[in-house]
N, C-alpha and C. Protein backbone atom coordinates (compact mmCIF):
# COMPACT_ATOMS: atom_id res chain seq x y z
N ALA A 1 46.76 -11.28 16.03
CA ALA A 1 45.66 -12.09 15.50
C ALA A 1 44.37 -11.76 16.21
N GLN A 2 44.45 -11.53 17.52
CA GLN A 2 43.24 -11.18 18.27
C GLN A 2 42.71 -9.83 17.83
N ASP A 3 43.63 -8.89 17.55
CA ASP A 3 43.20 -7.57 17.07
C ASP A 3 42.49 -7.68 15.74
N ASP A 4 43.04 -8.51 14.82
CA ASP A 4 42.40 -8.70 13.52
C ASP A 4 41.02 -9.33 13.67
N SER A 5 40.90 -10.30 14.57
CA SER A 5 39.61 -10.95 14.81
C SER A 5 38.59 -9.97 15.34
N THR A 6 39.02 -9.09 16.25
CA THR A 6 38.10 -8.09 16.81
C THR A 6 37.63 -7.12 15.74
N LYS A 7 38.55 -6.74 14.84
CA LYS A 7 38.16 -5.82 13.77
C LYS A 7 37.11 -6.45 12.86
N VAL A 8 37.27 -7.75 12.54
CA VAL A 8 36.30 -8.45 11.70
C VAL A 8 34.95 -8.52 12.40
N GLU A 9 34.94 -8.84 13.69
CA GLU A 9 33.69 -8.93 14.43
C GLU A 9 32.98 -7.58 14.48
N ASN A 10 33.76 -6.51 14.60
CA ASN A 10 33.15 -5.18 14.65
C ASN A 10 32.53 -4.80 13.32
N LYS A 11 33.08 -5.33 12.21
CA LYS A 11 32.54 -5.02 10.89
C LYS A 11 31.35 -5.91 10.53
N PHE A 12 31.26 -7.08 11.15
CA PHE A 12 30.24 -8.07 10.78
C PHE A 12 29.14 -8.14 11.84
N SER A 13 27.89 -8.14 11.39
CA SER A 13 26.77 -8.25 12.32
C SER A 13 25.63 -9.00 11.65
N VAL A 14 24.80 -9.62 12.47
CA VAL A 14 23.61 -10.34 12.00
C VAL A 14 22.40 -9.78 12.74
N ASP A 15 21.31 -9.60 12.02
CA ASP A 15 20.12 -9.03 12.64
C ASP A 15 18.87 -9.70 12.10
N PHE A 16 17.84 -9.75 12.90
CA PHE A 16 16.54 -10.26 12.45
C PHE A 16 15.45 -9.61 13.27
N SER A 17 14.28 -9.49 12.67
CA SER A 17 13.11 -8.89 13.34
C SER A 17 11.88 -9.27 12.54
N ALA A 18 10.73 -8.76 12.98
CA ALA A 18 9.49 -9.01 12.25
C ALA A 18 8.52 -7.87 12.51
N ASP A 19 7.77 -7.52 11.49
CA ASP A 19 6.70 -6.53 11.61
C ASP A 19 5.36 -7.24 11.49
N LEU A 20 4.43 -6.82 12.29
CA LEU A 20 3.04 -7.27 12.19
C LEU A 20 2.23 -6.09 11.71
N VAL A 21 1.64 -6.21 10.51
CA VAL A 21 0.91 -5.09 9.92
C VAL A 21 -0.55 -5.46 9.70
N SER A 22 -1.41 -4.46 9.80
CA SER A 22 -2.85 -4.71 9.63
C SER A 22 -3.20 -5.02 8.18
N ARG A 23 -2.34 -4.56 7.26
CA ARG A 23 -2.51 -4.88 5.85
C ARG A 23 -1.21 -4.55 5.13
N TYR A 24 -0.88 -5.30 4.10
CA TYR A 24 0.35 -5.10 3.35
C TYR A 24 0.07 -4.15 2.20
N VAL A 25 0.57 -2.92 2.32
CA VAL A 25 0.45 -1.91 1.27
C VAL A 25 1.86 -1.44 0.94
N TRP A 26 2.24 -1.52 -0.33
CA TRP A 26 3.60 -1.19 -0.76
C TRP A 26 3.55 -0.19 -1.91
N ARG A 27 4.15 0.97 -1.69
CA ARG A 27 4.19 2.01 -2.71
C ARG A 27 2.80 2.34 -3.25
N GLY A 28 1.84 2.35 -2.34
CA GLY A 28 0.47 2.68 -2.71
C GLY A 28 -0.31 1.53 -3.30
N MET A 29 0.30 0.35 -3.41
CA MET A 29 -0.35 -0.80 -4.02
C MET A 29 -0.79 -1.78 -2.92
N PRO A 30 -2.08 -2.15 -2.87
CA PRO A 30 -2.55 -3.12 -1.88
C PRO A 30 -2.13 -4.54 -2.27
N LEU A 31 -1.27 -5.17 -1.47
CA LEU A 31 -0.73 -6.48 -1.82
C LEU A 31 -1.25 -7.58 -0.91
N SER A 32 -2.16 -7.26 0.00
CA SER A 32 -2.84 -8.29 0.78
C SER A 32 -4.20 -7.76 1.19
N ALA A 33 -5.11 -8.69 1.46
CA ALA A 33 -6.44 -8.33 1.93
C ALA A 33 -6.61 -8.61 3.42
N SER A 34 -5.54 -9.04 4.07
CA SER A 34 -5.61 -9.41 5.49
C SER A 34 -4.32 -8.99 6.18
N PRO A 35 -4.28 -9.04 7.51
CA PRO A 35 -3.03 -8.74 8.22
C PRO A 35 -1.91 -9.67 7.78
N ALA A 36 -0.68 -9.22 7.98
CA ALA A 36 0.47 -10.00 7.52
C ALA A 36 1.61 -9.91 8.53
N LEU A 37 2.37 -11.00 8.60
CA LEU A 37 3.60 -11.04 9.37
C LEU A 37 4.75 -10.92 8.39
N GLN A 38 5.67 -9.97 8.67
CA GLN A 38 6.73 -9.67 7.71
C GLN A 38 8.10 -9.77 8.38
N PRO A 39 8.71 -10.96 8.35
CA PRO A 39 10.02 -11.15 8.96
C PRO A 39 11.15 -10.69 8.04
N THR A 40 12.26 -10.33 8.65
CA THR A 40 13.46 -9.99 7.90
C THR A 40 14.68 -10.57 8.60
N PHE A 41 15.67 -10.96 7.81
CA PHE A 41 16.90 -11.57 8.35
C PHE A 41 18.04 -11.07 7.48
N SER A 42 19.10 -10.55 8.10
CA SER A 42 20.17 -9.96 7.31
C SER A 42 21.52 -10.11 7.98
N ALA A 43 22.56 -10.04 7.17
CA ALA A 43 23.94 -10.05 7.64
C ALA A 43 24.64 -8.86 7.01
N THR A 44 25.38 -8.12 7.83
CA THR A 44 26.06 -6.91 7.37
C THR A 44 27.55 -7.04 7.61
N TYR A 45 28.32 -6.67 6.59
CA TYR A 45 29.77 -6.59 6.73
C TYR A 45 30.21 -5.25 6.16
N GLY A 46 30.70 -4.40 7.03
CA GLY A 46 31.06 -3.06 6.59
C GLY A 46 29.85 -2.31 6.07
N ASN A 47 29.93 -1.88 4.82
CA ASN A 47 28.82 -1.11 4.20
C ASN A 47 27.85 -1.99 3.42
N PHE A 48 28.11 -3.30 3.38
CA PHE A 48 27.29 -4.20 2.58
C PHE A 48 26.33 -5.01 3.47
N THR A 49 25.10 -5.19 2.99
CA THR A 49 24.11 -6.01 3.70
C THR A 49 23.45 -6.98 2.73
N LEU A 50 23.41 -8.23 3.11
CA LEU A 50 22.72 -9.28 2.36
C LEU A 50 21.61 -9.81 3.24
N GLY A 51 20.38 -9.89 2.71
CA GLY A 51 19.30 -10.34 3.57
C GLY A 51 18.09 -10.84 2.80
N SER A 52 17.10 -11.23 3.58
CA SER A 52 15.83 -11.69 3.03
C SER A 52 14.70 -11.04 3.80
N TRP A 53 13.63 -10.73 3.07
CA TRP A 53 12.42 -10.14 3.66
C TRP A 53 11.23 -10.89 3.09
N ALA A 54 10.19 -11.09 3.90
CA ALA A 54 9.02 -11.84 3.43
C ALA A 54 7.74 -11.25 4.00
N SER A 55 6.64 -11.61 3.38
CA SER A 55 5.32 -11.22 3.87
C SER A 55 4.37 -12.41 3.75
N TYR A 56 3.83 -12.82 4.90
CA TYR A 56 2.90 -13.95 4.95
C TYR A 56 1.58 -13.48 5.57
N THR A 57 0.51 -13.61 4.81
CA THR A 57 -0.78 -13.14 5.29
C THR A 57 -1.40 -14.12 6.28
N PHE A 58 -2.24 -13.60 7.16
CA PHE A 58 -2.92 -14.45 8.13
C PHE A 58 -4.00 -15.28 7.45
N ALA A 59 -4.71 -14.68 6.50
CA ALA A 59 -5.69 -15.44 5.72
C ALA A 59 -4.95 -16.32 4.73
N GLN A 60 -5.60 -17.34 4.23
CA GLN A 60 -4.97 -18.27 3.30
C GLN A 60 -5.03 -17.72 1.88
N GLU A 61 -4.34 -16.61 1.67
CA GLU A 61 -4.23 -16.03 0.34
C GLU A 61 -3.19 -16.81 -0.45
N GLY A 62 -3.46 -17.06 -1.72
CA GLY A 62 -2.59 -17.92 -2.51
C GLY A 62 -1.21 -17.35 -2.75
N ILE A 63 -1.14 -16.03 -2.98
CA ILE A 63 0.13 -15.40 -3.32
C ILE A 63 0.76 -14.79 -2.07
N GLN A 64 1.99 -15.20 -1.77
CA GLN A 64 2.76 -14.64 -0.67
C GLN A 64 4.01 -13.96 -1.26
N GLU A 65 4.99 -13.64 -0.43
CA GLU A 65 6.18 -12.97 -0.95
C GLU A 65 7.41 -13.33 -0.13
N VAL A 66 8.50 -13.66 -0.83
CA VAL A 66 9.79 -13.90 -0.20
C VAL A 66 10.86 -13.25 -1.09
N ASP A 67 11.59 -12.29 -0.54
CA ASP A 67 12.55 -11.52 -1.32
C ASP A 67 13.97 -11.71 -0.81
N LEU A 68 14.92 -11.44 -1.68
CA LEU A 68 16.33 -11.33 -1.33
C LEU A 68 16.78 -9.92 -1.68
N PHE A 69 17.77 -9.41 -0.93
CA PHE A 69 18.29 -8.09 -1.26
C PHE A 69 19.77 -8.01 -0.91
N LEU A 70 20.48 -7.21 -1.69
CA LEU A 70 21.88 -6.91 -1.45
C LEU A 70 22.04 -5.41 -1.57
N SER A 71 22.61 -4.78 -0.54
CA SER A 71 22.69 -3.33 -0.55
C SER A 71 24.06 -2.84 -0.11
N TYR A 72 24.41 -1.68 -0.61
CA TYR A 72 25.61 -0.96 -0.19
C TYR A 72 25.14 0.40 0.30
N GLU A 73 25.61 0.79 1.47
CA GLU A 73 25.14 2.05 2.05
C GLU A 73 26.31 2.86 2.58
N SER A 74 26.38 4.11 2.15
CA SER A 74 27.33 5.06 2.70
C SER A 74 26.54 6.12 3.46
N LYS A 75 27.16 7.23 3.78
CA LYS A 75 26.51 8.22 4.63
C LYS A 75 25.24 8.79 4.00
N PHE A 76 25.31 9.12 2.73
CA PHE A 76 24.17 9.77 2.08
C PHE A 76 23.61 9.01 0.88
N VAL A 77 24.26 7.90 0.48
CA VAL A 77 23.86 7.18 -0.73
C VAL A 77 23.74 5.70 -0.44
N SER A 78 22.72 5.07 -1.00
CA SER A 78 22.58 3.62 -0.91
C SER A 78 22.23 3.05 -2.29
N LEU A 79 22.75 1.86 -2.56
CA LEU A 79 22.45 1.13 -3.79
C LEU A 79 21.97 -0.26 -3.40
N THR A 80 20.82 -0.68 -3.96
CA THR A 80 20.22 -1.96 -3.57
C THR A 80 19.76 -2.72 -4.81
N ILE A 81 19.99 -4.02 -4.78
CA ILE A 81 19.40 -4.92 -5.77
C ILE A 81 18.39 -5.80 -5.03
N ASN A 82 17.13 -5.74 -5.45
CA ASN A 82 16.08 -6.55 -4.86
C ASN A 82 15.68 -7.68 -5.81
N ASP A 83 15.50 -8.85 -5.26
CA ASP A 83 14.94 -9.99 -5.99
C ASP A 83 13.59 -10.32 -5.37
N TYR A 84 12.52 -9.82 -6.00
CA TYR A 84 11.17 -10.06 -5.50
C TYR A 84 10.66 -11.40 -6.04
N PHE A 85 10.06 -12.17 -5.17
CA PHE A 85 9.48 -13.45 -5.62
C PHE A 85 8.17 -13.68 -4.90
N ASN A 86 7.13 -14.03 -5.68
CA ASN A 86 5.79 -14.26 -5.14
C ASN A 86 5.38 -15.70 -5.37
N PRO A 87 5.66 -16.59 -4.41
CA PRO A 87 5.25 -17.99 -4.57
C PRO A 87 3.74 -18.13 -4.55
N ASP A 88 3.23 -18.97 -5.44
CA ASP A 88 1.81 -19.32 -5.46
C ASP A 88 1.65 -20.61 -4.67
N GLU A 89 1.17 -20.50 -3.45
CA GLU A 89 1.11 -21.65 -2.56
C GLU A 89 -0.05 -22.59 -2.87
N THR A 90 -0.84 -22.27 -3.90
CA THR A 90 -1.88 -23.20 -4.33
C THR A 90 -1.34 -24.23 -5.31
N MET A 91 -0.09 -24.03 -5.77
CA MET A 91 0.50 -24.95 -6.74
C MET A 91 1.37 -25.98 -6.02
N SER A 92 1.60 -27.09 -6.70
CA SER A 92 2.37 -28.18 -6.09
C SER A 92 3.87 -27.94 -6.13
N THR A 93 4.31 -27.02 -6.99
CA THR A 93 5.73 -26.68 -7.06
C THR A 93 5.88 -25.17 -7.03
N GLY A 94 6.97 -24.70 -6.40
CA GLY A 94 7.14 -23.26 -6.26
C GLY A 94 7.87 -22.59 -7.40
N ASN A 95 8.63 -23.38 -8.21
CA ASN A 95 9.39 -22.85 -9.35
C ASN A 95 10.36 -21.74 -8.94
N TYR A 96 10.88 -21.83 -7.72
CA TYR A 96 11.76 -20.77 -7.22
C TYR A 96 13.04 -20.65 -8.04
N PHE A 97 13.57 -21.76 -8.53
CA PHE A 97 14.85 -21.74 -9.22
C PHE A 97 14.72 -21.52 -10.73
N ASN A 98 13.54 -21.13 -11.19
CA ASN A 98 13.34 -20.81 -12.60
C ASN A 98 13.63 -19.32 -12.82
N TYR A 99 14.75 -19.02 -13.46
CA TYR A 99 15.13 -17.63 -13.71
C TYR A 99 15.03 -17.28 -15.20
N ASN A 100 14.34 -18.10 -15.97
CA ASN A 100 14.14 -17.79 -17.39
C ASN A 100 13.34 -16.48 -17.50
N ASP A 101 13.90 -15.51 -18.20
CA ASP A 101 13.32 -14.16 -18.22
C ASP A 101 11.87 -14.13 -18.70
N THR A 102 11.50 -15.03 -19.59
CA THR A 102 10.15 -14.98 -20.18
C THR A 102 9.07 -15.58 -19.28
N ILE A 103 9.46 -16.47 -18.34
CA ILE A 103 8.44 -17.15 -17.53
C ILE A 103 8.73 -17.13 -16.04
N THR A 104 9.82 -16.51 -15.61
CA THR A 104 10.18 -16.54 -14.21
C THR A 104 9.18 -15.78 -13.33
N GLY A 105 9.08 -16.21 -12.08
CA GLY A 105 8.27 -15.51 -11.09
C GLY A 105 9.07 -14.47 -10.32
N HIS A 106 10.36 -14.35 -10.63
CA HIS A 106 11.22 -13.36 -9.98
C HIS A 106 11.15 -12.03 -10.72
N THR A 107 11.30 -10.95 -9.96
CA THR A 107 11.43 -9.62 -10.54
C THR A 107 12.62 -8.93 -9.87
N PHE A 108 13.59 -8.52 -10.68
CA PHE A 108 14.77 -7.85 -10.15
C PHE A 108 14.62 -6.33 -10.30
N GLU A 109 15.03 -5.64 -9.23
CA GLU A 109 14.93 -4.18 -9.22
C GLU A 109 16.23 -3.57 -8.71
N GLY A 110 16.66 -2.49 -9.33
CA GLY A 110 17.76 -1.68 -8.82
C GLY A 110 17.20 -0.42 -8.19
N VAL A 111 17.69 -0.09 -7.00
CA VAL A 111 17.19 1.07 -6.27
C VAL A 111 18.34 1.97 -5.86
N LEU A 112 18.23 3.24 -6.19
CA LEU A 112 19.16 4.26 -5.73
C LEU A 112 18.48 5.08 -4.64
N GLY A 113 19.13 5.19 -3.48
CA GLY A 113 18.60 5.98 -2.40
C GLY A 113 19.53 7.12 -2.04
N LEU A 114 18.97 8.30 -1.81
CA LEU A 114 19.73 9.48 -1.40
C LEU A 114 19.09 10.03 -0.13
N SER A 115 19.91 10.35 0.85
CA SER A 115 19.39 10.89 2.10
C SER A 115 20.15 12.15 2.48
N GLY A 116 19.44 13.07 3.12
CA GLY A 116 20.05 14.32 3.54
C GLY A 116 20.69 14.22 4.91
N SER A 117 21.12 15.33 5.42
CA SER A 117 21.76 15.40 6.73
C SER A 117 20.70 15.51 7.82
N GLU A 118 21.15 15.54 9.09
CA GLU A 118 20.23 15.71 10.21
C GLU A 118 19.50 17.05 10.13
N ASN A 119 20.17 18.05 9.59
CA ASN A 119 19.55 19.37 9.45
C ASN A 119 18.62 19.46 8.25
N PHE A 120 18.72 18.49 7.34
CA PHE A 120 17.87 18.46 6.15
C PHE A 120 17.47 17.01 5.88
N PRO A 121 16.58 16.46 6.74
CA PRO A 121 16.26 15.02 6.70
C PRO A 121 15.29 14.63 5.60
N ILE A 122 15.74 14.78 4.38
CA ILE A 122 14.92 14.42 3.22
C ILE A 122 15.49 13.15 2.60
N GLU A 123 14.62 12.31 2.06
CA GLU A 123 15.06 11.06 1.44
C GLU A 123 14.43 10.92 0.05
N PHE A 124 15.22 10.42 -0.88
CA PHE A 124 14.75 10.19 -2.25
C PHE A 124 15.12 8.77 -2.66
N GLU A 125 14.22 8.10 -3.35
CA GLU A 125 14.54 6.78 -3.90
C GLU A 125 14.03 6.67 -5.32
N ALA A 126 14.81 5.96 -6.14
CA ALA A 126 14.42 5.67 -7.52
C ALA A 126 14.62 4.18 -7.75
N GLY A 127 13.53 3.48 -8.03
CA GLY A 127 13.59 2.04 -8.24
C GLY A 127 13.13 1.67 -9.64
N VAL A 128 13.88 0.78 -10.31
CA VAL A 128 13.56 0.35 -11.67
C VAL A 128 13.58 -1.17 -11.75
N PHE A 129 12.49 -1.80 -12.18
CA PHE A 129 12.50 -3.23 -12.48
C PHE A 129 13.27 -3.44 -13.79
N PHE A 130 14.29 -4.29 -13.77
CA PHE A 130 15.10 -4.44 -14.97
C PHE A 130 15.15 -5.87 -15.51
N TYR A 131 14.55 -6.83 -14.80
CA TYR A 131 14.58 -8.21 -15.30
C TYR A 131 13.45 -9.00 -14.66
N GLY A 132 12.85 -9.90 -15.46
CA GLY A 132 11.90 -10.84 -14.88
C GLY A 132 10.46 -10.51 -15.13
N ASN A 133 9.65 -10.71 -14.10
CA ASN A 133 8.20 -10.70 -14.21
C ASN A 133 7.62 -9.28 -14.20
N ASP A 134 7.98 -8.50 -15.22
CA ASP A 134 7.46 -7.14 -15.39
C ASP A 134 7.32 -6.88 -16.88
N LYS A 135 6.35 -7.56 -17.49
CA LYS A 135 6.25 -7.59 -18.95
C LYS A 135 4.93 -6.98 -19.44
N ASN A 136 4.97 -6.44 -20.66
CA ASN A 136 3.74 -5.98 -21.31
C ASN A 136 3.13 -7.13 -22.12
N ASP A 137 2.09 -6.83 -22.90
CA ASP A 137 1.39 -7.87 -23.66
C ASP A 137 2.29 -8.55 -24.69
N LYS A 138 3.36 -7.87 -25.11
CA LYS A 138 4.28 -8.43 -26.10
C LYS A 138 5.48 -9.10 -25.43
N ARG A 139 5.41 -9.28 -24.10
CA ARG A 139 6.45 -9.93 -23.31
C ARG A 139 7.76 -9.15 -23.32
N ALA A 140 7.66 -7.85 -23.55
CA ALA A 140 8.83 -6.97 -23.44
C ALA A 140 8.81 -6.29 -22.07
N ASN A 141 9.98 -5.93 -21.57
CA ASN A 141 10.07 -5.32 -20.25
C ASN A 141 9.40 -3.95 -20.21
N TYR A 142 8.62 -3.72 -19.16
CA TYR A 142 8.08 -2.38 -18.91
C TYR A 142 9.16 -1.43 -18.38
N TYR A 143 10.12 -2.00 -17.62
CA TYR A 143 11.06 -1.19 -16.84
C TYR A 143 10.29 -0.24 -15.91
N SER A 144 9.31 -0.81 -15.23
CA SER A 144 8.48 -0.03 -14.32
C SER A 144 9.35 0.72 -13.32
N THR A 145 9.04 1.99 -13.14
CA THR A 145 9.88 2.89 -12.34
C THR A 145 9.06 3.59 -11.27
N TYR A 146 9.65 3.66 -10.08
CA TYR A 146 9.02 4.36 -8.96
C TYR A 146 9.99 5.40 -8.43
N LEU A 147 9.49 6.63 -8.25
CA LEU A 147 10.28 7.73 -7.71
C LEU A 147 9.60 8.21 -6.43
N GLY A 148 10.30 8.13 -5.31
CA GLY A 148 9.71 8.48 -4.03
C GLY A 148 10.49 9.57 -3.31
N LEU A 149 9.76 10.43 -2.59
CA LEU A 149 10.37 11.52 -1.84
C LEU A 149 9.69 11.60 -0.48
N SER A 150 10.49 11.74 0.58
CA SER A 150 9.92 11.84 1.93
C SER A 150 10.75 12.80 2.78
N TYR A 151 10.13 13.26 3.87
CA TYR A 151 10.79 14.18 4.79
C TYR A 151 10.46 13.73 6.21
N THR A 152 11.45 13.72 7.08
CA THR A 152 11.26 13.23 8.44
C THR A 152 11.36 14.37 9.45
N ALA A 153 10.41 14.40 10.37
CA ALA A 153 10.42 15.37 11.46
C ALA A 153 10.00 14.67 12.74
N GLU A 154 10.20 15.31 13.88
CA GLU A 154 9.81 14.73 15.15
C GLU A 154 8.94 15.70 15.93
N ILE A 155 7.80 15.19 16.41
CA ILE A 155 6.87 16.00 17.20
C ILE A 155 6.53 15.22 18.46
N ASN A 156 6.91 15.74 19.62
CA ASN A 156 6.62 15.09 20.90
C ASN A 156 7.04 13.61 20.92
N LYS A 157 8.29 13.36 20.48
CA LYS A 157 8.89 12.02 20.45
C LYS A 157 8.22 11.07 19.46
N VAL A 158 7.44 11.62 18.54
CA VAL A 158 6.84 10.83 17.46
C VAL A 158 7.49 11.24 16.15
N GLU A 159 8.05 10.27 15.45
CA GLU A 159 8.66 10.54 14.15
C GLU A 159 7.57 10.61 13.09
N ILE A 160 7.50 11.74 12.40
CA ILE A 160 6.49 11.97 11.37
C ILE A 160 7.18 12.03 10.02
N LYS A 161 6.61 11.31 9.03
CA LYS A 161 7.22 11.28 7.71
C LYS A 161 6.17 11.43 6.61
N PRO A 162 5.97 12.63 6.07
CA PRO A 162 5.13 12.77 4.87
C PRO A 162 5.89 12.26 3.66
N PHE A 163 5.16 11.69 2.68
CA PHE A 163 5.82 11.08 1.53
C PHE A 163 4.95 11.20 0.28
N ILE A 164 5.62 11.09 -0.86
CA ILE A 164 4.92 11.08 -2.15
C ILE A 164 5.69 10.17 -3.10
N GLY A 165 4.96 9.43 -3.93
CA GLY A 165 5.58 8.54 -4.89
C GLY A 165 4.93 8.68 -6.26
N VAL A 166 5.76 8.68 -7.29
CA VAL A 166 5.30 8.90 -8.66
C VAL A 166 5.88 7.82 -9.57
N THR A 167 5.11 7.39 -10.55
CA THR A 167 5.66 6.57 -11.64
C THR A 167 5.62 7.41 -12.91
N PRO A 168 6.73 7.46 -13.67
CA PRO A 168 6.80 8.40 -14.80
C PRO A 168 6.17 7.92 -16.09
N PHE A 169 5.87 6.61 -16.20
CA PHE A 169 5.30 6.10 -17.44
C PHE A 169 4.58 4.79 -17.18
N LYS A 170 3.97 4.23 -18.22
CA LYS A 170 3.18 3.01 -18.11
C LYS A 170 4.02 1.85 -17.61
N GLY A 171 3.44 1.09 -16.69
CA GLY A 171 4.13 -0.08 -16.16
C GLY A 171 3.31 -0.73 -15.06
N TYR A 172 3.99 -1.29 -14.10
CA TYR A 172 3.33 -2.02 -13.01
C TYR A 172 2.42 -1.12 -12.18
N TYR A 173 2.83 0.12 -11.97
CA TYR A 173 2.12 0.98 -11.02
C TYR A 173 0.91 1.69 -11.64
N ALA A 174 0.98 2.04 -12.92
CA ALA A 174 -0.10 2.79 -13.56
C ALA A 174 0.07 2.70 -15.07
N SER A 175 -0.91 3.22 -15.80
CA SER A 175 -0.89 3.16 -17.27
C SER A 175 -0.23 4.37 -17.91
N LYS A 176 0.21 5.34 -17.08
CA LYS A 176 0.87 6.55 -17.60
C LYS A 176 1.51 7.26 -16.40
N LEU A 177 2.03 8.45 -16.63
CA LEU A 177 2.57 9.26 -15.54
C LEU A 177 1.49 9.52 -14.49
N GLU A 178 1.73 9.07 -13.26
CA GLU A 178 0.73 9.22 -12.21
C GLU A 178 1.39 9.34 -10.84
N VAL A 179 0.72 10.05 -9.94
CA VAL A 179 1.04 9.97 -8.51
C VAL A 179 0.33 8.73 -7.98
N VAL A 180 1.10 7.80 -7.41
CA VAL A 180 0.52 6.52 -6.99
C VAL A 180 0.58 6.30 -5.48
N ASN A 181 1.28 7.18 -4.77
CA ASN A 181 1.49 6.94 -3.35
C ASN A 181 1.73 8.27 -2.64
N ILE A 182 0.79 8.68 -1.82
CA ILE A 182 0.96 9.92 -1.08
C ILE A 182 0.34 9.75 0.31
N GLY A 183 0.98 10.31 1.31
CA GLY A 183 0.43 10.15 2.66
C GLY A 183 1.41 10.58 3.72
N ILE A 184 1.21 10.03 4.92
CA ILE A 184 2.06 10.37 6.05
C ILE A 184 2.13 9.17 6.99
N SER A 185 3.31 8.92 7.52
CA SER A 185 3.48 7.83 8.47
C SER A 185 4.00 8.39 9.79
N ALA A 186 3.75 7.66 10.86
CA ALA A 186 4.19 8.06 12.19
C ALA A 186 4.75 6.84 12.91
N ASN A 187 5.87 7.04 13.62
CA ASN A 187 6.51 5.97 14.37
C ASN A 187 6.85 6.45 15.77
N LYS A 188 6.66 5.58 16.74
CA LYS A 188 7.07 5.91 18.10
C LYS A 188 7.30 4.62 18.88
N ASN A 189 7.94 4.73 20.02
CA ASN A 189 8.16 3.61 20.91
C ASN A 189 7.15 3.66 22.05
N LEU A 190 6.36 2.59 22.14
CA LEU A 190 5.36 2.49 23.20
C LEU A 190 6.00 1.88 24.43
N SER A 191 6.01 2.61 25.54
CA SER A 191 6.65 2.15 26.76
C SER A 191 5.80 1.07 27.44
N ILE A 192 6.36 -0.14 27.54
CA ILE A 192 5.68 -1.25 28.19
C ILE A 192 6.13 -1.36 29.65
N SER A 193 7.40 -1.13 29.88
CA SER A 193 7.97 -1.13 31.24
C SER A 193 9.18 -0.22 31.23
N GLU A 194 9.88 -0.14 32.35
CA GLU A 194 11.05 0.71 32.42
C GLU A 194 12.17 0.23 31.50
N LYS A 195 12.18 -1.06 31.19
CA LYS A 195 13.25 -1.64 30.40
C LYS A 195 12.81 -2.09 29.00
N PHE A 196 11.53 -1.94 28.70
CA PHE A 196 11.07 -2.47 27.41
C PHE A 196 10.15 -1.48 26.72
N GLU A 197 10.46 -1.20 25.45
CA GLU A 197 9.63 -0.35 24.60
C GLU A 197 9.28 -1.11 23.32
N LEU A 198 8.06 -0.92 22.84
CA LEU A 198 7.58 -1.60 21.65
C LEU A 198 7.42 -0.59 20.52
N PRO A 199 8.19 -0.72 19.43
CA PRO A 199 8.03 0.20 18.30
C PRO A 199 6.69 -0.04 17.58
N ILE A 200 5.93 1.02 17.40
CA ILE A 200 4.66 0.93 16.69
C ILE A 200 4.62 2.01 15.60
N SER A 201 3.77 1.80 14.61
CA SER A 201 3.68 2.75 13.50
C SER A 201 2.25 2.82 12.97
N ALA A 202 1.96 3.91 12.30
CA ALA A 202 0.69 4.07 11.60
C ALA A 202 0.95 4.84 10.32
N SER A 203 0.27 4.47 9.25
CA SER A 203 0.46 5.15 7.96
C SER A 203 -0.90 5.41 7.31
N PHE A 204 -1.11 6.65 6.94
CA PHE A 204 -2.29 7.02 6.14
C PHE A 204 -1.81 7.14 4.70
N ILE A 205 -2.38 6.31 3.82
CA ILE A 205 -1.86 6.17 2.46
C ILE A 205 -2.99 6.37 1.45
N VAL A 206 -2.73 7.17 0.45
CA VAL A 206 -3.69 7.37 -0.64
C VAL A 206 -3.00 7.06 -1.97
N ASN A 207 -3.67 6.29 -2.81
CA ASN A 207 -3.22 6.07 -4.18
C ASN A 207 -4.18 6.83 -5.10
N PRO A 208 -3.83 8.06 -5.51
CA PRO A 208 -4.75 8.86 -6.34
C PRO A 208 -5.09 8.18 -7.66
N ASN A 209 -4.15 7.45 -8.23
CA ASN A 209 -4.40 6.80 -9.51
C ASN A 209 -5.50 5.77 -9.41
N LYS A 210 -5.52 5.00 -8.33
CA LYS A 210 -6.54 3.97 -8.15
C LYS A 210 -7.71 4.44 -7.28
N GLU A 211 -7.62 5.69 -6.79
CA GLU A 211 -8.65 6.25 -5.92
C GLU A 211 -8.90 5.35 -4.71
N MET A 212 -7.80 4.90 -4.10
CA MET A 212 -7.86 4.01 -2.94
C MET A 212 -7.20 4.68 -1.74
N VAL A 213 -7.68 4.33 -0.54
CA VAL A 213 -7.13 4.91 0.68
C VAL A 213 -6.95 3.80 1.71
N PHE A 214 -5.88 3.90 2.52
CA PHE A 214 -5.55 2.89 3.51
C PHE A 214 -5.07 3.56 4.80
N LEU A 215 -5.39 2.95 5.91
CA LEU A 215 -4.81 3.31 7.21
C LEU A 215 -4.21 2.04 7.77
N VAL A 216 -2.89 1.97 7.83
CA VAL A 216 -2.19 0.75 8.19
C VAL A 216 -1.50 0.93 9.53
N PHE A 217 -1.69 -0.04 10.41
CA PHE A 217 -1.04 -0.05 11.73
C PHE A 217 0.00 -1.16 11.76
N GLY A 218 1.12 -0.90 12.42
CA GLY A 218 2.17 -1.91 12.47
C GLY A 218 2.88 -1.97 13.81
N ILE A 219 3.39 -3.14 14.15
CA ILE A 219 4.17 -3.38 15.36
C ILE A 219 5.44 -4.08 14.95
N THR A 220 6.58 -3.63 15.47
CA THR A 220 7.86 -4.28 15.21
C THR A 220 8.24 -5.15 16.39
N LEU A 221 8.50 -6.42 16.12
CA LEU A 221 8.82 -7.38 17.18
C LEU A 221 10.32 -7.63 17.26
């Protein structure tokens, strides 16, 4: 019985952290006008992870974000279902439990992720909104799609990741086939003491479709 209990404990883990970012930019889209705190909380059992991620701006912006996700991850493939929700904090009710497809504030997305080996550290993701708040003028689903590609390298203990993201047709990201997210990110551990390092990051991001540019700094707590 003790052996079985140990095996379960080894398969099950709980984790939480938070990122502090100078601005919330997602897939080339500016989603905040001020710095944001982005906590995450998750539980993993074997290859499955269930968790929540959120973004709360420092300024009193009306729209915030609280998401749920369920993912399965193997060595080179991951499958994720995201439930994006943007509460309007200027309203007296959040309507969180309204899942009616025509009026819900939730947006569900399926994401396929593919990753290479250590000798070929390339990553690909394909995300499709398939239910909820992703509608055209006729209230039909856009099925907005994002295709992303990145490559990871290390230079002087700094992880460098150039990336590019494309949407193939009209939807949330653009009105037609467009490159919507291109740039480079860098991550490293800042040594505070002999026993403590602080993960920090910087990302230079360009959205060619919107002709917008961002330089985002982040700290992981």
